Amino acid sequence: MSERLRVKKTYKLYVGGKFPRSESGRSYPVSSPDGTELANAALASRKDARDAVAAARKAQRPWAGQTAYLRGQILYRAAEMLEGRAGQFAEELADATGADPHDALGTVEAAIDRLVHYAGWTDKYTSVLGGANPVAGPYFNHTTPEPLGVVAVIAPQDDPLLGLVEAIAPAIATGNTVVVLASEAKPLPALSFGEVLATSDLPGGVVNLLSGKAAEVAPHLASHADVNGLDLTGADPELAASLEAAAAETLKVVRRPGKSGKALDLLRQWTEYKTVWHPAGMAAGAGGAY
């Protein structure tokens, strides 16, 4: 274990751009694979999950209304801030997962690369996923992707930084906001990532990070009527099945564990499509949408 972690820290949640404790006042110890206690993390409750969804919903429309260029700039800034703290994150990953320090640094560098990659997609994915539709009539017809809304993410359990970034980045690149339940046993890199986001010009509420027990918190996210999408990547098969059933009650888009992780697939996952028609030769605003 690194000397830096001798003084035990209690990591807080990241909700609405702030770092609150759990409203329940609970926390739990986080240990390395060899059993060494590293720190404490807030144990999120149902109320914390509801607060996080409310913050995400409040931030979603303004975030989607930002220009694609600005969203890309903010993602790129997050990559810069993560790169500036790469050594710290490599140590945290090595402590949390037992990985070799060199391998842990490689994982941090891969997470930085993912942020830069999705920063580049923000002003391009609409051209790839949308387009003009051929019609037999004197009017134009165009389909454009739009953000789904609020996405809840059960983060990967054994990939606490790279897996987290790969879940968050495509969702927010397309104008969604997210509520993320971090790895239950390895939450510290995710909670530290909240500090990166807080210093990256990302508006409060766009990303909200919770730590705690998936079996306790995830069902409230899956059944919440104000959540539009659910990423089950980090849920075990039994929990994933129950969460998907709960999500069906409110017609959520669900990403099942094991689905393709290609960039375009993930961008497409968290979008819905608007098709607009416009009579040829008529003034703007005279058309319609469906």
Protein backbone atom coordinates (compact mmCIF):
# COMPACT_ATOMS: atom_id res chain seq x y z
CA MET A 1 0.00 0.00 0.00
CA SER A 2 1.28 3.46 -0.78
CA GLU A 3 2.40 5.75 2.02
CA ARG A 4 -0.01 8.40 0.77
CA LEU A 5 -2.98 6.41 2.08
CA ARG A 6 -1.80 5.90 5.67
CA VAL A 7 -4.25 8.52 6.91
CA LYS A 8 -7.67 7.04 6.24
CA LYS A 9 -9.92 9.24 4.15
CA THR A 10 -13.69 9.08 3.97
CA TYR A 11 -14.66 9.63 0.34
CA LYS A 12 -17.91 11.49 -0.26
CA LEU A 13 -20.51 11.25 -2.99
CA TYR A 14 -20.50 13.58 -6.00
CA VAL A 15 -24.00 14.92 -6.62
CA GLY A 16 -25.06 18.12 -8.34
CA GLY A 17 -21.47 19.35 -8.59
CA LYS A 18 -20.96 19.07 -4.82
CA PHE A 19 -19.46 16.47 -2.49
CA PRO A 20 -22.11 15.57 0.11
CA ARG A 21 -21.99 12.82 2.67
CA SER A 22 -24.71 10.21 2.44
CA GLU A 23 -27.91 11.61 3.95
CA SER A 24 -28.00 8.44 6.08
CA GLY A 25 -24.63 9.28 7.62
CA ARG A 26 -23.39 5.78 6.76
CA SER A 27 -20.02 4.77 5.36
CA TYR A 28 -18.20 1.50 4.78
CA PRO A 29 -14.55 0.39 4.75
CA VAL A 30 -12.80 -0.19 1.43
CA SER A 31 -9.93 -2.66 1.39
CA SER A 32 -7.26 -3.81 -1.04
CA PRO A 33 -7.29 -7.40 -2.36
CA ASP A 34 -4.88 -8.42 0.43
CA GLY A 35 -7.28 -7.10 3.07
CA THR A 36 -5.48 -3.85 3.89
CA GLU A 37 -7.98 -1.13 4.73
CA LEU A 38 -7.51 1.79 2.35
CA ALA A 39 -10.22 4.28 3.25
CA ASN A 40 -13.93 4.67 3.90
CA ALA A 41 -16.59 5.46 1.30
CA ALA A 42 -20.05 6.92 1.74
CA LEU A 43 -22.79 4.29 1.72
CA ALA A 44 -25.49 5.80 -0.48
CA SER A 45 -29.16 5.40 0.35
CA ARG A 46 -32.42 5.56 -1.58
CA LYS A 47 -32.65 9.27 -0.76
CA ASP A 48 -29.16 9.84 -2.20
CA ALA A 49 -30.20 8.06 -5.40
CA ARG A 50 -33.31 10.22 -5.69
CA ASP A 51 -31.28 13.38 -5.08
CA ALA A 52 -28.81 12.33 -7.77
CA VAL A 53 -31.61 11.72 -10.30
CA ALA A 54 -33.13 15.11 -9.48
CA ALA A 55 -29.75 16.80 -10.03
CA ALA A 56 -29.27 14.94 -13.31
CA ARG A 57 -32.72 15.89 -14.55
CA LYS A 58 -32.21 19.56 -13.67
CA ALA A 59 -28.91 19.62 -15.56
CA GLN A 60 -30.00 17.61 -18.60
CA ARG A 61 -31.79 20.20 -20.72
CA PRO A 62 -29.12 22.92 -20.28
CA TRP A 63 -26.37 20.38 -21.00
CA ALA A 64 -28.11 19.12 -24.14
CA GLY A 65 -28.58 22.74 -25.17
CA GLN A 66 -24.85 23.45 -25.15
CA THR A 67 -23.07 23.34 -28.47
CA ALA A 68 -21.48 20.05 -29.47
CA TYR A 69 -18.17 21.89 -29.67
CA LEU A 70 -18.42 23.01 -26.03
CA ARG A 71 -19.31 19.52 -24.82
CA GLY A 72 -16.23 18.25 -26.64
CA GLN A 73 -14.05 20.95 -25.08
CA ILE A 74 -15.24 19.97 -21.59
CA LEU A 75 -14.56 16.28 -22.18
CA TYR A 76 -11.12 17.18 -23.47
CA ARG A 77 -10.53 19.30 -20.37
CA ALA A 78 -11.47 16.33 -18.20
CA ALA A 79 -8.84 14.30 -20.04
CA GLU A 80 -6.27 17.02 -19.33
CA MET A 81 -7.15 17.10 -15.63
CA LEU A 82 -6.98 13.32 -15.37
CA GLU A 83 -3.59 13.34 -17.09
CA GLY A 84 -2.34 15.86 -14.53
CA ARG A 85 -3.24 13.43 -11.75
CA ALA A 86 -2.23 10.24 -13.54
CA GLY A 87 0.26 9.24 -10.83
CA GLN A 88 -2.35 9.51 -8.08
CA PHE A 89 -4.89 7.48 -10.04
CA ALA A 90 -2.30 4.82 -10.88
CA GLU A 91 -1.56 4.44 -7.16
CA GLU A 92 -5.25 4.23 -6.32
CA LEU A 93 -5.83 1.61 -9.00
CA ALA A 94 -2.83 -0.43 -7.87
CA ASP A 95 -4.05 -0.32 -4.27
CA ALA A 96 -7.67 -1.10 -5.18
CA THR A 97 -7.08 -3.90 -7.67
CA GLY A 98 -3.66 -5.27 -6.79
CA ALA A 99 -2.43 -4.45 -10.30
CA ASP A 100 1.21 -3.84 -11.10
CA PRO A 101 1.89 -0.05 -10.88
CA HIS A 102 3.05 0.05 -14.50
CA ASP A 103 -0.12 -1.71 -15.66
CA ALA A 104 -2.22 0.60 -13.50
CA LEU A 105 -0.64 3.63 -15.16
CA GLY A 106 -1.43 2.11 -18.55
CA THR A 107 -5.07 1.82 -17.51
CA VAL A 108 -5.14 5.50 -16.51
CA GLU A 109 -3.64 6.44 -19.86
CA ALA A 110 -6.32 4.37 -21.61
CA ALA A 111 -9.02 6.25 -19.65
CA ILE A 112 -7.49 9.55 -20.77
CA ASP A 113 -7.53 8.30 -24.36
CA ARG A 114 -11.23 7.38 -24.10
CA LEU A 115 -12.12 10.88 -22.93
CA VAL A 116 -10.23 12.43 -25.84
CA HIS A 117 -11.86 9.96 -28.24
CA TYR A 118 -15.40 10.84 -27.20
CA ALA A 119 -14.54 14.53 -27.09
CA GLY A 120 -13.89 14.20 -30.81
CA TRP A 121 -17.24 12.51 -31.44
CA THR A 122 -19.46 15.25 -29.96
CA ASP A 123 -19.75 17.25 -33.19
CA LYS A 124 -19.64 14.27 -35.56
CA TYR A 125 -22.02 11.57 -34.35
CA THR A 126 -25.13 13.42 -35.56
CA SER A 127 -23.81 13.35 -39.12
CA VAL A 128 -23.10 9.62 -38.88
CA LEU A 129 -26.32 8.53 -37.14
CA GLY A 130 -28.67 11.02 -38.82
CA GLY A 131 -29.19 12.15 -42.39
CA ALA A 132 -31.58 12.99 -45.19
CA ASN A 133 -34.23 10.41 -46.02
CA PRO A 134 -35.36 9.73 -49.62
CA VAL A 135 -39.03 10.64 -50.09
CA ALA A 136 -41.42 10.60 -53.04
CA GLY A 137 -42.84 14.08 -52.76
CA PRO A 138 -42.09 17.82 -52.87
CA TYR A 139 -40.60 18.04 -49.38
CA PHE A 140 -37.43 17.38 -47.43
CA ASN A 141 -37.17 14.71 -44.73
CA HIS A 142 -34.33 14.58 -42.18
CA THR A 143 -33.64 12.38 -39.16
CA THR A 144 -31.43 13.62 -36.32
CA PRO A 145 -30.35 11.89 -33.08
CA GLU A 146 -31.19 13.57 -29.78
CA PRO A 147 -30.19 12.69 -26.20
CA LEU A 148 -32.29 10.18 -24.34
CA GLY A 149 -32.29 12.12 -21.05
CA VAL A 150 -31.06 10.75 -17.72
CA VAL A 151 -29.03 7.52 -17.80
CA ALA A 152 -28.36 5.41 -14.69
CA VAL A 153 -25.19 3.33 -14.79
CA ILE A 154 -24.16 0.32 -12.72
CA ALA A 155 -20.42 0.66 -13.21
CA PRO A 156 -18.15 -2.34 -13.86
CA GLN A 157 -17.15 -4.00 -10.60
CA ASP A 158 -13.59 -5.01 -11.53
CA ASP A 159 -12.65 -2.12 -13.84
CA PRO A 160 -13.19 0.86 -11.53
CA LEU A 161 -11.69 3.63 -13.69
CA LEU A 162 -11.48 2.70 -17.38
CA GLY A 163 -14.81 0.87 -17.27
CA LEU A 164 -16.35 3.85 -15.51
CA VAL A 165 -15.07 6.32 -18.11
CA GLU A 166 -16.24 4.08 -20.96
CA ALA A 167 -19.74 4.09 -19.45
CA ILE A 168 -19.93 7.83 -18.72
CA ALA A 169 -18.25 9.42 -21.75
CA PRO A 170 -20.58 8.32 -24.58
CA ALA A 171 -23.67 9.18 -22.54
CA ILE A 172 -22.63 12.74 -21.76
CA ALA A 173 -21.04 13.28 -25.19
CA THR A 174 -24.52 12.92 -26.70
CA GLY A 175 -26.12 15.39 -24.28
CA ASN A 176 -27.38 13.01 -21.60
CA THR A 177 -26.75 13.32 -17.88
CA VAL A 178 -25.82 10.33 -15.74
CA VAL A 179 -26.16 8.85 -12.27
CA VAL A 180 -23.43 6.30 -11.69
CA LEU A 181 -23.24 3.67 -8.97
CA ALA A 182 -19.52 2.98 -8.62
CA SER A 183 -17.91 -0.42 -8.10
CA GLU A 184 -19.04 -1.62 -4.67
CA ALA A 185 -15.70 -3.08 -3.58
CA LYS A 186 -13.43 -0.68 -5.53
CA PRO A 187 -15.15 2.74 -5.50
CA LEU A 188 -12.18 4.99 -4.72
CA PRO A 189 -10.95 5.67 -8.30
CA ALA A 190 -14.51 6.56 -9.31
CA LEU A 191 -14.98 8.93 -6.39
CA SER A 192 -11.64 10.58 -7.11
CA PHE A 193 -12.78 10.94 -10.71
CA GLY A 194 -15.54 13.14 -9.36
CA GLU A 195 -12.83 15.58 -8.25
CA VAL A 196 -11.49 15.60 -11.83
CA LEU A 197 -14.93 16.38 -13.23
CA ALA A 198 -15.50 19.13 -10.68
CA THR A 199 -12.42 20.95 -11.99
CA SER A 200 -13.15 20.39 -15.69
CA ASP A 201 -15.87 23.02 -16.28
CA LEU A 202 -18.48 20.26 -16.34
CA PRO A 203 -21.77 21.75 -15.10
CA GLY A 204 -22.98 20.37 -11.79
CA GLY A 205 -25.43 17.50 -12.15
CA VAL A 206 -24.22 16.27 -15.54
CA VAL A 207 -22.36 13.42 -13.80
CA ASN A 208 -23.40 12.20 -10.35
CA LEU A 209 -21.37 9.51 -8.58
CA LEU A 210 -22.71 7.27 -5.81
CA SER A 211 -20.93 4.58 -3.83
CA GLY A 212 -22.58 1.77 -1.93
CA LYS A 213 -24.31 -1.56 -2.34
CA ALA A 214 -25.69 -2.29 -5.81
CA ALA A 215 -28.42 -4.54 -4.42
CA GLU A 216 -29.64 -1.71 -2.19
CA VAL A 217 -29.39 1.35 -4.48
CA ALA A 218 -29.73 0.03 -8.04
CA PRO A 219 -33.40 -1.06 -7.75
CA HIS A 220 -34.40 2.53 -6.94
CA LEU A 221 -32.61 3.77 -10.05
CA ALA A 222 -34.14 1.04 -12.22
CA SER A 223 -37.68 1.85 -11.10
CA HIS A 224 -37.33 5.64 -11.02
CA ALA A 225 -39.76 7.18 -13.50
CA ASP A 226 -37.40 10.08 -14.28
CA VAL A 227 -34.58 7.80 -15.48
CA ASN A 228 -34.67 7.17 -19.24
CA GLY A 229 -31.83 4.69 -19.71
CA LEU A 230 -30.18 1.98 -17.62
CA ASP A 231 -26.68 0.56 -18.14
CA LEU A 232 -26.39 -2.83 -16.43
CA THR A 233 -22.72 -3.42 -17.29
CA GLY A 234 -21.67 -3.87 -13.65
CA ALA A 235 -24.65 -5.89 -12.41
CA ASP A 236 -24.39 -9.63 -11.78
CA PRO A 237 -26.82 -11.80 -13.78
CA GLU A 238 -29.40 -12.20 -11.01
CA LEU A 239 -29.45 -8.50 -10.16
CA ALA A 240 -29.43 -7.52 -13.85
CA ALA A 241 -32.54 -9.61 -14.50
CA SER A 242 -34.49 -7.98 -11.67
CA LEU A 243 -33.33 -4.49 -12.66
CA GLU A 244 -34.33 -5.03 -16.29
CA ALA A 245 -37.78 -6.15 -15.17
CA ALA A 246 -38.13 -3.03 -13.02
CA ALA A 247 -36.93 -0.82 -15.89
CA ALA A 248 -39.59 -2.27 -18.18
CA GLU A 249 -42.30 -0.73 -16.00
CA THR A 250 -41.23 2.74 -17.14
CA LEU A 251 -40.08 1.77 -20.67
CA LYS A 252 -36.40 2.52 -20.14
CA VAL A 253 -33.72 1.83 -22.73
CA VAL A 254 -31.51 -0.90 -21.22
CA ARG A 255 -27.96 -1.84 -22.03
CA ARG A 256 -27.44 -5.44 -20.99
CA PRO A 257 -24.11 -6.76 -19.67
CA GLY A 258 -21.90 -8.00 -22.48
CA LYS A 259 -23.30 -5.75 -25.22
CA SER A 260 -20.91 -4.30 -27.78
CA GLY A 261 -18.57 -1.64 -26.45
CA LYS A 262 -17.76 -0.03 -29.80
CA ALA A 263 -17.87 3.77 -29.67
CA LEU A 264 -20.59 4.29 -32.25
CA ASP A 265 -22.78 1.60 -30.66
CA LEU A 266 -22.50 3.31 -27.28
CA LEU A 267 -23.26 6.71 -28.74
CA ARG A 268 -26.29 5.26 -30.52
CA GLN A 269 -27.43 3.47 -27.35
CA TRP A 270 -28.22 6.69 -25.53
CA THR A 271 -29.94 8.59 -28.32
CA GLU A 272 -33.43 8.71 -29.74
CA TYR A 273 -34.38 9.95 -33.18
CA LYS A 274 -36.44 12.89 -34.39
CA THR A 275 -37.58 12.99 -38.00
CA VAL A 276 -38.52 16.36 -39.48
CA TRP A 277 -40.23 17.02 -42.80
CA HIS A 278 -40.32 20.37 -44.56
CA PRO A 279 -42.20 21.21 -47.79
CA ALA A 280 -39.81 22.27 -50.51
CA GLY A 281 -39.87 26.00 -51.21
CA MET A 282 -41.82 26.98 -48.07
CA ALA A 283 -40.62 29.27 -45.29
CA ALA A 284 -38.82 27.81 -42.29
CA GLY A 285 -41.22 26.66 -39.60
CA ALA A 286 -43.91 25.54 -42.02
CA GLY A 287 -42.96 21.88 -41.77
CA GLY A 288 -43.53 19.31 -39.07
CA ALA A 289 -41.88 16.61 -36.98
CA TYR A 290 -42.71 13.16 -35.73
